[in-house]
PDB file of N, CA and C in Angstrom:
ATOM      1  N   MET A   1      58.417 -51.784 -66.043  1.00  0.00           N
ATOM      2  CA  MET A   1      58.260 -50.383 -65.742  1.00  0.00           C
ATOM      3  C   MET A   1      56.958 -49.897 -66.367  1.00  0.00           C
ATOM      4  N   LYS A   2      56.212 -49.149 -65.580  1.00  0.00           N
ATOM      5  CA  LYS A   2      54.895 -48.705 -66.031  1.00  0.00           C
ATOM      6  C   LYS A   2      54.906 -47.323 -66.667  1.00  0.00           C
ATOM      7  N   THR A   3      55.614 -46.390 -66.045  1.00  0.00           N
ATOM      8  CA  THR A   3      55.539 -45.006 -66.491  1.00  0.00           C
ATOM      9  C   THR A   3      56.704 -44.199 -65.947  1.00  0.00           C
ATOM     10  N   VAL A   4      56.985 -43.074 -66.602  1.00  0.00           N
ATOM     11  CA  VAL A   4      57.892 -42.092 -66.012  1.00  0.00           C
ATOM     12  C   VAL A   4      57.063 -41.368 -64.965  1.00  0.00           C
ATOM     13  N   GLU A   5      57.437 -41.546 -63.714  1.00  0.00           N
ATOM     14  CA  GLU A   5      56.658 -40.981 -62.612  1.00  0.00           C
ATOM     15  C   GLU A   5      57.096 -39.560 -62.271  1.00  0.00           C
ATOM     16  N   ILE A   6      58.421 -39.369 -62.094  1.00  0.00           N
ATOM     17  CA  ILE A   6      58.946 -38.066 -61.680  1.00  0.00           C
ATOM     18  C   ILE A   6      60.231 -37.771 -62.447  1.00  0.00           C
ATOM     19  N   VAL A   7      60.348 -36.555 -62.948  1.00  0.00           N
ATOM     20  CA  VAL A   7      61.595 -36.081 -63.543  1.00  0.00           C
ATOM     21  C   VAL A   7      62.183 -35.084 -62.546  1.00  0.00           C
ATOM     22  N   MET A   8      63.378 -35.409 -62.048  1.00  0.00           N
ATOM     23  CA  MET A   8      64.044 -34.540 -61.076  1.00  0.00           C
ATOM     24  C   MET A   8      64.889 -33.527 -61.823  1.00  0.00           C
ATOM     25  N   ILE A   9      64.635 -32.255 -61.569  1.00  0.00           N
ATOM     26  CA  ILE A   9      65.305 -31.156 -62.256  1.00  0.00           C
ATOM     27  C   ILE A   9      66.264 -30.481 -61.278  1.00  0.00           C
ATOM     28  N   PRO A  10      67.560 -30.425 -61.608  1.00  0.00           N
ATOM     29  CA  PRO A  10      68.498 -29.729 -60.724  1.00  0.00           C
ATOM     30  C   PRO A  10      68.246 -28.218 -60.747  1.00  0.00           C
ATOM     31  N   VAL A  11      68.152 -27.628 -59.575  1.00  0.00           N
ATOM     32  CA  VAL A  11      67.953 -26.182 -59.454  1.00  0.00           C
ATOM     33  C   VAL A  11      68.904 -25.633 -58.392  1.00  0.00           C
ATOM     34  N   SER A  12      69.272 -24.363 -58.532  1.00  0.00           N
ATOM     35  CA  SER A  12      70.163 -23.746 -57.542  1.00  0.00           C
ATOM     36  C   SER A  12      69.385 -23.152 -56.373  1.00  0.00           C
ATOM     37  N   ASP A  13      68.153 -22.754 -56.594  1.00  0.00           N
ATOM     38  CA  ASP A  13      67.311 -22.180 -55.536  1.00  0.00           C
ATOM     39  C   ASP A  13      65.917 -22.798 -55.664  1.00  0.00           C
ATOM     40  N   GLN A  14      65.601 -23.692 -54.760  1.00  0.00           N
ATOM     41  CA  GLN A  14      64.332 -24.418 -54.854  1.00  0.00           C
ATOM     42  C   GLN A  14      63.122 -23.503 -54.781  1.00  0.00           C
ATOM     43  N   GLN A  15      63.141 -22.528 -53.911  1.00  0.00           N
ATOM     44  CA  GLN A  15      61.972 -21.667 -53.745  1.00  0.00           C
ATOM     45  C   GLN A  15      61.739 -20.783 -54.974  1.00  0.00           C
ATOM     46  N   LYS A  16      62.808 -20.247 -55.532  1.00  0.00           N
ATOM     47  CA  LYS A  16      62.661 -19.441 -56.746  1.00  0.00           C
ATOM     48  C   LYS A  16      62.193 -20.309 -57.911  1.00  0.00           C
ATOM     49  N   ALA A  17      62.736 -21.517 -57.999  1.00  0.00           N
ATOM     50  CA  ALA A  17      62.317 -22.431 -59.063  1.00  0.00           C
ATOM     51  C   ALA A  17      60.848 -22.822 -58.877  1.00  0.00           C
ATOM     52  N   LYS A  18      60.442 -23.058 -57.641  1.00  0.00           N
ATOM     53  CA  LYS A  18      59.039 -23.404 -57.377  1.00  0.00           C
ATOM     54  C   LYS A  18      58.121 -22.279 -57.851  1.00  0.00           C
ATOM     55  N   GLU A  19      58.455 -21.049 -57.527  1.00  0.00           N
ATOM     56  CA  GLU A  19      57.634 -19.913 -57.950  1.00  0.00           C
ATOM     57  C   GLU A  19      57.558 -19.830 -59.477  1.00  0.00           C
ATOM     58  N   PHE A  20      58.683 -20.078 -60.159  1.00  0.00           N
ATOM     59  CA  PHE A  20      58.702 -20.063 -61.619  1.00  0.00           C
ATOM     60  C   PHE A  20      57.729 -21.096 -62.184  1.00  0.00           C
ATOM     61  N   TYR A  21      57.806 -22.334 -61.688  1.00  0.00           N
ATOM     62  CA  TYR A  21      56.942 -23.388 -62.215  1.00  0.00           C
ATOM     63  C   TYR A  21      55.475 -23.168 -61.841  1.00  0.00           C
ATOM     64  N   LEU A  22      55.211 -22.576 -60.679  1.00  0.00           N
ATOM     65  CA  LEU A  22      53.831 -22.235 -60.328  1.00  0.00           C
ATOM     66  C   LEU A  22      53.277 -21.186 -61.295  1.00  0.00           C
ATOM     67  N   LYS A  23      54.103 -20.212 -61.660  1.00  0.00           N
ATOM     68  CA  LYS A  23      53.674 -19.203 -62.642  1.00  0.00           C
ATOM     69  C   LYS A  23      53.378 -19.836 -63.999  1.00  0.00           C
ATOM     70  N   MET A  24      54.096 -20.914 -64.319  1.00  0.00           N
ATOM     71  CA  MET A  24      53.861 -21.613 -65.592  1.00  0.00           C
ATOM     72  C   MET A  24      52.548 -22.390 -65.598  1.00  0.00           C
ATOM     73  N   GLY A  25      51.976 -22.626 -64.419  1.00  0.00           N
ATOM     74  CA  GLY A  25      50.723 -23.371 -64.344  1.00  0.00           C
ATOM     75  C   GLY A  25      50.837 -24.719 -63.671  1.00  0.00           C
ATOM     76  N   PHE A  26      52.039 -25.068 -63.200  1.00  0.00           N
ATOM     77  CA  PHE A  26      52.186 -26.304 -62.431  1.00  0.00           C
ATOM     78  C   PHE A  26      51.498 -26.147 -61.087  1.00  0.00           C
ATOM     79  N   GLN A  27      51.106 -27.253 -60.495  1.00  0.00           N
ATOM     80  CA  GLN A  27      50.494 -27.253 -59.173  1.00  0.00           C
ATOM     81  C   GLN A  27      51.413 -27.963 -58.194  1.00  0.00           C
ATOM     82  N   LEU A  28      51.541 -27.408 -57.001  1.00  0.00           N
ATOM     83  CA  LEU A  28      52.356 -28.011 -55.958  1.00  0.00           C
ATOM     84  C   LEU A  28      51.618 -29.223 -55.401  1.00  0.00           C
ATOM     85  N   ILE A  29      52.267 -30.380 -55.424  1.00  0.00           N
ATOM     86  CA  ILE A  29      51.616 -31.572 -54.859  1.00  0.00           C
ATOM     87  C   ILE A  29      52.329 -32.086 -53.608  1.00  0.00           C
ATOM     88  N   ALA A  30      53.573 -31.645 -53.375  1.00  0.00           N
ATOM     89  CA  ALA A  30      54.274 -32.033 -52.143  1.00  0.00           C
ATOM     90  C   ALA A  30      55.397 -31.052 -51.871  1.00  0.00           C
ATOM     91  N   GLU A  31      55.548 -30.693 -50.605  1.00  0.00           N
ATOM     92  CA  GLU A  31      56.686 -29.910 -50.140  1.00  0.00           C
ATOM     93  C   GLU A  31      56.941 -30.326 -48.705  1.00  0.00           C
ATOM     94  N   ALA A  32      58.065 -31.015 -48.497  1.00  0.00           N
ATOM     95  CA  ALA A  32      58.361 -31.567 -47.176  1.00  0.00           C
ATOM     96  C   ALA A  32      59.865 -31.760 -47.026  1.00  0.00           C
ATOM     97  N   PRO A  33      60.360 -31.767 -45.774  1.00  0.00           N
ATOM     98  CA  PRO A  33      61.780 -32.055 -45.563  1.00  0.00           C
ATOM     99  C   PRO A  33      62.108 -33.455 -46.081  1.00  0.00           C
ATOM    100  N   SER A  34      63.315 -33.599 -46.641  1.00  0.00           N
ATOM    101  CA  SER A  34      63.744 -34.913 -47.104  1.00  0.00           C
ATOM    102  C   SER A  34      65.013 -35.320 -46.381  1.00  0.00           C
ATOM    103  N   HIS A  35      65.362 -36.580 -46.498  1.00  0.00           N
ATOM    104  CA  HIS A  35      66.538 -37.080 -45.794  1.00  0.00           C
ATOM    105  C   HIS A  35      67.846 -36.632 -46.442  1.00  0.00           C
ATOM    106  N   HIS A  36      67.781 -35.918 -47.565  1.00  0.00           N
ATOM    107  CA  HIS A  36      68.979 -35.401 -48.217  1.00  0.00           C
ATOM    108  C   HIS A  36      69.390 -34.049 -47.613  1.00  0.00           C
ATOM    109  N   GLY A  37      68.689 -33.591 -46.582  1.00  0.00           N
ATOM    110  CA  GLY A  37      68.963 -32.285 -46.007  1.00  0.00           C
ATOM    111  C   GLY A  37      68.363 -31.152 -46.811  1.00  0.00           C
ATOM    112  N   GLN A  38      67.507 -31.473 -47.741  1.00  0.00           N
ATOM    113  CA  GLN A  38      66.838 -30.486 -48.572  1.00  0.00           C
ATOM    114  C   GLN A  38      65.341 -30.560 -48.317  1.00  0.00           C
ATOM    115  N   THR A  39      64.622 -29.823 -49.118  1.00  0.00           N
ATOM    116  CA  THR A  39      63.172 -29.923 -49.121  1.00  0.00           C
ATOM    117  C   THR A  39      62.769 -30.663 -50.381  1.00  0.00           C
ATOM    118  N   TRP A  40      61.854 -31.618 -50.243  1.00  0.00           N
ATOM    119  CA  TRP A  40      61.309 -32.319 -51.413  1.00  0.00           C
ATOM    120  C   TRP A  40      60.180 -31.451 -51.941  1.00  0.00           C
ATOM    121  N   ILE A  41      60.345 -30.927 -53.157  1.00  0.00           N
ATOM    122  CA  ILE A  41      59.309 -30.112 -53.797  1.00  0.00           C
ATOM    123  C   ILE A  41      58.902 -30.827 -55.077  1.00  0.00           C
ATOM    124  N   GLN A  42      57.620 -31.158 -55.157  1.00  0.00           N
ATOM    125  CA  GLN A  42      57.099 -31.908 -56.304  1.00  0.00           C
ATOM    126  C   GLN A  42      55.893 -31.173 -56.868  1.00  0.00           C
ATOM    127  N   LEU A  43      55.900 -31.008 -58.197  1.00  0.00           N
ATOM    128  CA  LEU A  43      54.825 -30.293 -58.884  1.00  0.00           C
ATOM    129  C   LEU A  43      54.397 -31.079 -60.108  1.00  0.00           C
ATOM    130  N   ARG A  44      53.196 -30.787 -60.583  1.00  0.00           N
ATOM    131  CA  ARG A  44      52.757 -31.373 -61.854  1.00  0.00           C
ATOM    132  C   ARG A  44      51.723 -30.463 -62.499  1.00  0.00           C
ATOM    133  N   LEU A  45      51.577 -30.678 -63.789  1.00  0.00           N
ATOM    134  CA  LEU A  45      50.533 -29.963 -64.506  1.00  0.00           C
ATOM    135  C   LEU A  45      49.184 -30.567 -64.148  1.00  0.00           C
ATOM    136  N   PRO A  46      48.108 -29.768 -64.204  1.00  0.00           N
ATOM    137  CA  PRO A  46      46.783 -30.292 -63.866  1.00  0.00           C
ATOM    138  C   PRO A  46      46.427 -31.521 -64.708  1.00  0.00           C
ATOM    139  N   ASP A  47      45.830 -32.501 -64.068  1.00  0.00           N
ATOM    140  CA  ASP A  47      45.316 -33.713 -64.712  1.00  0.00           C
ATOM    141  C   ASP A  47      46.409 -34.571 -65.362  1.00  0.00           C
ATOM    142  N   GLN A  48      47.644 -34.454 -64.895  1.00  0.00           N
ATOM    143  CA  GLN A  48      48.741 -35.260 -65.420  1.00  0.00           C
ATOM    144  C   GLN A  48      49.270 -36.186 -64.327  1.00  0.00           C
ATOM    145  N   ASN A  49      49.808 -37.318 -64.717  1.00  0.00           N
ATOM    146  CA  ASN A  49      50.383 -38.249 -63.755  1.00  0.00           C
ATOM    147  C   ASN A  49      51.868 -38.009 -63.529  1.00  0.00           C
ATOM    148  N   THR A  50      52.596 -37.649 -64.591  1.00  0.00           N
ATOM    149  CA  THR A  50      54.022 -37.406 -64.457  1.00  0.00           C
ATOM    150  C   THR A  50      54.235 -36.059 -63.775  1.00  0.00           C
ATOM    151  N   SER A  51      55.187 -36.027 -62.833  1.00  0.00           N
ATOM    152  CA  SER A  51      55.464 -34.799 -62.103  1.00  0.00           C
ATOM    153  C   SER A  51      56.948 -34.459 -62.194  1.00  0.00           C
ATOM    154  N   ILE A  52      57.295 -33.290 -61.673  1.00  0.00           N
ATOM    155  CA  ILE A  52      58.691 -32.888 -61.579  1.00  0.00           C
ATOM    156  C   ILE A  52      59.030 -32.677 -60.112  1.00  0.00           C
ATOM    157  N   SER A  53      60.303 -32.848 -59.800  1.00  0.00           N
ATOM    158  CA  SER A  53      60.816 -32.547 -58.473  1.00  0.00           C
ATOM    159  C   SER A  53      61.973 -31.582 -58.642  1.00  0.00           C
ATOM    160  N   LEU A  54      62.015 -30.561 -57.810  1.00  0.00           N
ATOM    161  CA  LEU A  54      63.083 -29.563 -57.858  1.00  0.00           C
ATOM    162  C   LEU A  54      64.130 -29.965 -56.836  1.00  0.00           C
ATOM    163  N   ALA A  55      65.319 -30.344 -57.302  1.00  0.00           N
ATOM    164  CA  ALA A  55      66.316 -30.947 -56.429  1.00  0.00           C
ATOM    165  C   ALA A  55      67.708 -30.403 -56.714  1.00  0.00           C
ATOM    166  N   LYS A  56      68.682 -30.904 -55.987  1.00  0.00           N
ATOM    167  CA  LYS A  56      70.080 -30.548 -56.207  1.00  0.00           C
ATOM    168  C   LYS A  56      70.750 -31.505 -57.177  1.00  0.00           C
ATOM    169  N   PHE A  57      70.063 -32.563 -57.566  1.00  0.00           N
ATOM    170  CA  PHE A  57      70.625 -33.547 -58.490  1.00  0.00           C
ATOM    171  C   PHE A  57      69.550 -33.968 -59.481  1.00  0.00           C
ATOM    172  N   HIS A  58      69.988 -34.524 -60.601  1.00  0.00           N
ATOM    173  CA  HIS A  58      69.052 -34.919 -61.655  1.00  0.00           C
ATOM    174  C   HIS A  58      68.668 -36.378 -61.490  1.00  0.00           C
ATOM    175  N   GLY A  59      67.571 -36.754 -62.104  1.00  0.00           N
ATOM    176  CA  GLY A  59      67.152 -38.146 -62.106  1.00  0.00           C
ATOM    177  C   GLY A  59      65.788 -38.308 -62.736  1.00  0.00           C
ATOM    178  N   ILE A  60      65.529 -39.515 -63.171  1.00  0.00           N
ATOM    179  CA  ILE A  60      64.214 -39.875 -63.678  1.00  0.00           C
ATOM    180  C   ILE A  60      63.739 -41.065 -62.861  1.00  0.00           C
ATOM    181  N   ILE A  61      62.574 -40.920 -62.258  1.00  0.00           N
ATOM    182  CA  ILE A  61      62.016 -41.984 -61.424  1.00  0.00           C
ATOM    183  C   ILE A  61      60.960 -42.721 -62.236  1.00  0.00           C
ATOM    184  N   LEU A  62      61.135 -44.030 -62.338  1.00  0.00           N
ATOM    185  CA  LEU A  62      60.272 -44.897 -63.133  1.00  0.00           C
ATOM    186  C   LEU A  62      59.430 -45.763 -62.194  1.00  0.00           C
ATOM    187  N   GLU A  63      58.134 -45.695 -62.350  1.00  0.00           N
ATOM    188  CA  GLU A  63      57.235 -46.460 -61.481  1.00  0.00           C
ATOM    189  C   GLU A  63      57.175 -47.923 -61.924  1.00  0.00           C
ATOM    190  N   THR A  64      57.139 -48.806 -60.942  1.00  0.00           N
ATOM    191  CA  THR A  64      57.008 -50.233 -61.191  1.00  0.00           C
ATOM    192  C   THR A  64      56.150 -50.868 -60.103  1.00  0.00           C
ATOM    193  N   ASP A  65      55.516 -51.970 -60.441  1.00  0.00           N
ATOM    194  CA  ASP A  65      54.758 -52.739 -59.450  1.00  0.00           C
ATOM    195  C   ASP A  65      55.612 -53.836 -58.823  1.00  0.00           C
ATOM    196  N   ASP A  66      56.785 -54.130 -59.432  1.00  0.00           N
ATOM    197  CA  ASP A  66      57.622 -55.247 -58.993  1.00  0.00           C
ATOM    198  C   ASP A  66      59.090 -54.860 -59.113  1.00  0.00           C
ATOM    199  N   ILE A  67      59.611 -54.216 -58.084  1.00  0.00           N
ATOM    200  CA  ILE A  67      60.976 -53.702 -58.157  1.00  0.00           C
ATOM    201  C   ILE A  67      62.003 -54.828 -58.282  1.00  0.00           C
ATOM    202  N   GLU A  68      61.802 -55.929 -57.562  1.00  0.00           N
ATOM    203  CA  GLU A  68      62.738 -57.048 -57.672  1.00  0.00           C
ATOM    204  C   GLU A  68      62.726 -57.646 -59.078  1.00  0.00           C
ATOM    205  N   GLY A  69      61.542 -57.786 -59.660  1.00  0.00           N
ATOM    206  CA  GLY A  69      61.425 -58.317 -61.011  1.00  0.00           C
ATOM    207  C   GLY A  69      62.112 -57.417 -62.027  1.00  0.00           C
ATOM    208  N   GLU A  70      61.926 -56.106 -61.894  1.00  0.00           N
ATOM    209  CA  GLU A  70      62.571 -55.158 -62.815  1.00  0.00           C
ATOM    210  C   GLU A  70      64.090 -55.208 -62.674  1.00  0.00           C
ATOM    211  N   ILE A  71      64.572 -55.280 -61.427  1.00  0.00           N
ATOM    212  CA  ILE A  71      66.018 -55.366 -61.213  1.00  0.00           C
ATOM    213  C   ILE A  71      66.559 -56.639 -61.849  1.00  0.00           C
ATOM    214  N   GLY A  72      65.835 -57.738 -61.707  1.00  0.00           N
ATOM    215  CA  GLY A  72      66.252 -58.992 -62.332  1.00  0.00           C
ATOM    216  C   GLY A  72      66.355 -58.870 -63.845  1.00  0.00           C
ATOM    217  N   LYS A  73      65.367 -58.229 -64.458  1.00  0.00           N
ATOM    218  CA  LYS A  73      65.390 -58.032 -65.915  1.00  0.00           C
ATOM    219  C   LYS A  73      66.577 -57.162 -66.335  1.00  0.00           C
ATOM    220  N   LEU A  74      66.845 -56.110 -65.559  1.00  0.00           N
ATOM    221  CA  LEU A  74      67.959 -55.232 -65.890  1.00  0.00           C
ATOM    222  C   LEU A  74      69.300 -55.946 -65.733  1.00  0.00           C
ATOM    223  N   LYS A  75      69.426 -56.762 -64.695  1.00  0.00           N
ATOM    224  CA  LYS A  75      70.677 -57.506 -64.490  1.00  0.00           C
ATOM    225  C   LYS A  75      70.928 -58.478 -65.638  1.00  0.00           C
ATOM    226  N   ILE A  76      69.881 -59.120 -66.148  1.00  0.00           N
ATOM    227  CA  ILE A  76      70.028 -60.015 -67.311  1.00  0.00           C
ATOM    228  C   ILE A  76      70.578 -59.230 -68.495  1.00  0.00           C
ATOM    229  N   ARG A  77      70.181 -57.959 -68.601  1.00  0.00           N
ATOM    230  CA  ARG A  77      70.644 -57.089 -69.692  1.00  0.00           C
ATOM    231  C   ARG A  77      71.972 -56.402 -69.351  1.00  0.00           C
ATOM    232  N   GLU A  78      72.611 -56.859 -68.268  1.00  0.00           N
ATOM    233  CA  GLU A  78      73.906 -56.350 -67.810  1.00  0.00           C
ATOM    234  C   GLU A  78      73.861 -54.883 -67.401  1.00  0.00           C
ATOM    235  N   ILE A  79      72.757 -54.494 -66.765  1.00  0.00           N
ATOM    236  CA  ILE A  79      72.613 -53.151 -66.203  1.00  0.00           C
ATOM    237  C   ILE A  79      72.652 -53.292 -64.687  1.00  0.00           C
ATOM    238  N   SER A  80      73.621 -52.655 -64.073  1.00  0.00           N
ATOM    239  CA  SER A  80      73.816 -52.751 -62.632  1.00  0.00           C
ATOM    240  C   SER A  80      72.893 -51.769 -61.904  1.00  0.00           C
ATOM    241  N   VAL A  81      72.206 -52.270 -60.893  1.00  0.00           N
ATOM    242  CA  VAL A  81      71.276 -51.460 -60.102  1.00  0.00           C
ATOM    243  C   VAL A  81      71.720 -51.515 -58.645  1.00  0.00           C
ATOM    244  N   GLY A  82      71.631 -50.379 -57.963  1.00  0.00           N
ATOM    245  CA  GLY A  82      72.002 -50.315 -56.547  1.00  0.00           C
ATOM    246  C   GLY A  82      71.014 -51.059 -55.668  1.00  0.00           C
ATOM    247  N   LYS A  83      71.291 -51.018 -54.379  1.00  0.00           N
ATOM    248  CA  LYS A  83      70.434 -51.717 -53.413  1.00  0.00           C
ATOM    249  C   LYS A  83      69.060 -51.050 -53.341  1.00  0.00           C
ATOM    250  N   ILE A  84      68.098 -51.803 -52.873  1.00  0.00           N
ATOM    251  CA  ILE A  84      66.738 -51.284 -52.695  1.00  0.00           C
ATOM    252  C   ILE A  84      66.669 -50.548 -51.365  1.00  0.00           C
ATOM    253  N   ASP A  85      66.225 -49.293 -51.412  1.00  0.00           N
ATOM    254  CA  ASP A  85      66.004 -48.503 -50.199  1.00  0.00           C
ATOM    255  C   ASP A  85      64.514 -48.529 -49.883  1.00  0.00           C
ATOM    256  N   ASN A  86      64.185 -48.942 -48.661  1.00  0.00           N
ATOM    257  CA  ASN A  86      62.792 -48.944 -48.195  1.00  0.00           C
ATOM    258  C   ASN A  86      62.544 -47.650 -47.433  1.00  0.00           C
ATOM    259  N   THR A  87      61.565 -46.881 -47.877  1.00  0.00           N
ATOM    260  CA  THR A  87      61.240 -45.601 -47.245  1.00  0.00           C
ATOM    261  C   THR A  87      59.739 -45.560 -46.974  1.00  0.00           C
ATOM    262  N   PRO A  88      59.280 -44.568 -46.220  1.00  0.00           N
ATOM    263  CA  PRO A  88      57.831 -44.413 -46.028  1.00  0.00           C
ATOM    264  C   PRO A  88      57.085 -44.125 -47.335  1.00  0.00           C
ATOM    265  N   TRP A  89      57.822 -43.694 -48.389  1.00  0.00           N
ATOM    266  CA  TRP A  89      57.200 -43.322 -49.665  1.00  0.00           C
ATOM    267  C   TRP A  89      57.290 -44.440 -50.696  1.00  0.00           C
ATOM    268  N   GLY A  90      57.819 -45.568 -50.286  1.00  0.00           N
ATOM    269  CA  GLY A  90      57.949 -46.694 -51.198  1.00  0.00           C
ATOM    270  C   GLY A  90      59.363 -47.236 -51.222  1.00  0.00           C
ATOM    271  N   ARG A  91      59.613 -48.081 -52.183  1.00  0.00           N
ATOM    272  CA  ARG A  91      60.915 -48.724 -52.345  1.00  0.00           C
ATOM    273  C   ARG A  91      61.592 -48.151 -53.582  1.00  0.00           C
ATOM    274  N   PHE A  92      62.884 -47.812 -53.447  1.00  0.00           N
ATOM    275  CA  PHE A  92      63.626 -47.158 -54.509  1.00  0.00           C
ATOM    276  C   PHE A  92      64.931 -47.901 -54.784  1.00  0.00           C
ATOM    277  N   ALA A  93      65.338 -47.965 -56.050  1.00  0.00           N
ATOM    278  CA  ALA A  93      66.627 -48.530 -56.437  1.00  0.00           C
ATOM    279  C   ALA A  93      67.203 -47.670 -57.555  1.00  0.00           C
ATOM    280  N   TRP A  94      68.378 -47.086 -57.313  1.00  0.00           N
ATOM    281  CA  TRP A  94      69.005 -46.162 -58.257  1.00  0.00           C
ATOM    282  C   TRP A  94      70.012 -46.871 -59.150  1.00  0.00           C
ATOM    283  N   PHE A  95      70.149 -46.377 -60.363  1.00  0.00           N
ATOM    284  CA  PHE A  95      71.177 -46.823 -61.290  1.00  0.00           C
ATOM    285  C   PHE A  95      71.458 -45.681 -62.258  1.00  0.00           C
ATOM    286  N   LYS A  96      72.469 -45.861 -63.123  1.00  0.00           N
ATOM    287  CA  LYS A  96      72.851 -44.796 -64.059  1.00  0.00           C
ATOM    288  C   LYS A  96      72.904 -45.323 -65.477  1.00  0.00           C
ATOM    289  N   ASP A  97      72.643 -44.412 -66.425  1.00  0.00           N
ATOM    290  CA  ASP A  97      72.819 -44.776 -67.830  1.00  0.00           C
ATOM    291  C   ASP A  97      74.292 -44.616 -68.200  1.00  0.00           C
ATOM    292  N   LEU A  98      74.629 -44.817 -69.452  1.00  0.00           N
ATOM    293  CA  LEU A  98      76.022 -44.777 -69.894  1.00  0.00           C
ATOM    294  C   LEU A  98      76.678 -43.411 -69.728  1.00  0.00           C
ATOM    295  N   ASP A  99      75.875 -42.337 -69.653  1.00  0.00           N
ATOM    296  CA  ASP A  99      76.410 -40.992 -69.496  1.00  0.00           C
ATOM    297  C   ASP A  99      76.336 -40.488 -68.057  1.00  0.00           C
ATOM    298  N   GLY A 100      75.971 -41.357 -67.137  1.00  0.00           N
ATOM    299  CA  GLY A 100      75.912 -40.983 -65.727  1.00  0.00           C
ATOM    300  C   GLY A 100      74.619 -40.343 -65.277  1.00  0.00           C
ATOM    301  N   ASN A 101      73.591 -40.349 -66.135  1.00  0.00           N
ATOM    302  CA  ASN A 101      72.299 -39.799 -65.736  1.00  0.00           C
ATOM    303  C   ASN A 101      71.621 -40.749 -64.751  1.00  0.00           C
ATOM    304  N   GLY A 102      71.087 -40.175 -63.681  1.00  0.00           N
ATOM    305  CA  GLY A 102      70.449 -40.974 -62.643  1.00  0.00           C
ATOM    306  C   GLY A 102      69.073 -41.463 -63.049  1.00  0.00           C
ATOM    307  N   LEU A 103      68.850 -42.744 -62.845  1.00  0.00           N
ATOM    308  CA  LEU A 103      67.555 -43.384 -63.077  1.00  0.00           C
ATOM    309  C   LEU A 103      67.182 -44.121 -61.797  1.00  0.00           C
ATOM    310  N   CYS A 104      65.909 -44.226 -61.523  1.00  0.00           N
ATOM    311  CA  CYS A 104      65.479 -44.845 -60.282  1.00  0.00           C
ATOM    312  C   CYS A 104      64.191 -45.616 -60.498  1.00  0.00           C
ATOM    313  N   LEU A 105      64.162 -46.843 -59.999  1.00  0.00           N
ATOM    314  CA  LEU A 105      62.929 -47.615 -59.963  1.00  0.00           C
ATOM    315  C   LEU A 105      62.200 -47.278 -58.670  1.00  0.00           C
ATOM    316  N   HIS A 106      60.888 -47.128 -58.735  1.00  0.00           N
ATOM    317  CA  HIS A 106      60.079 -46.821 -57.551  1.00  0.00           C
ATOM    318  C   HIS A 106      58.874 -47.749 -57.501  1.00  0.00           C
ATOM    319  N   GLU A 107      58.786 -48.488 -56.428  1.00  0.00           N
ATOM    320  CA  GLU A 107      57.605 -49.321 -56.175  1.00  0.00           C
ATOM    321  C   GLU A 107      56.864 -48.696 -55.001  1.00  0.00           C
ATOM    322  N   LYS A 108      55.612 -48.339 -55.234  1.00  0.00           N
ATOM    323  CA  LYS A 108      54.813 -47.697 -54.181  1.00  0.00           C
ATOM    324  C   LYS A 108      54.360 -48.696 -53.145  1.00  0.00           C
TER     325      LYS A 108
END
C-alpha cells in the first residue's frame, strides 16, 4: 500500500456537505453519478494528494500498484478481502477492520 488516497465521510446531505467543505477551502475535484445511485463528490485541499469523498457510507481507500499482491499479503495475515471489482476508475477490493470500518484497496 502506497498511501491513503481517499477518506469517505458519511453525510446526510451531499450538497450541503459539499458547500461546507468548499467554504473550508477544499477544492472540488470530481462530481459525477455513481453506480451506488448517488453522486460521487470528491474534494481535497490545495496541493494535497489525499482527498475526501462525501458519501452515504464510511471508508478509507488505500492506493496500491499491485492489488493482487496486497490481497495475498493480507490473506497471509488472516485478513479477508472481498472480490476485486474492475471499474472505469480502477480496480477495487473492499474489506473491514475488527470494528466494521470499511477499507478498500485501489489500483489505478
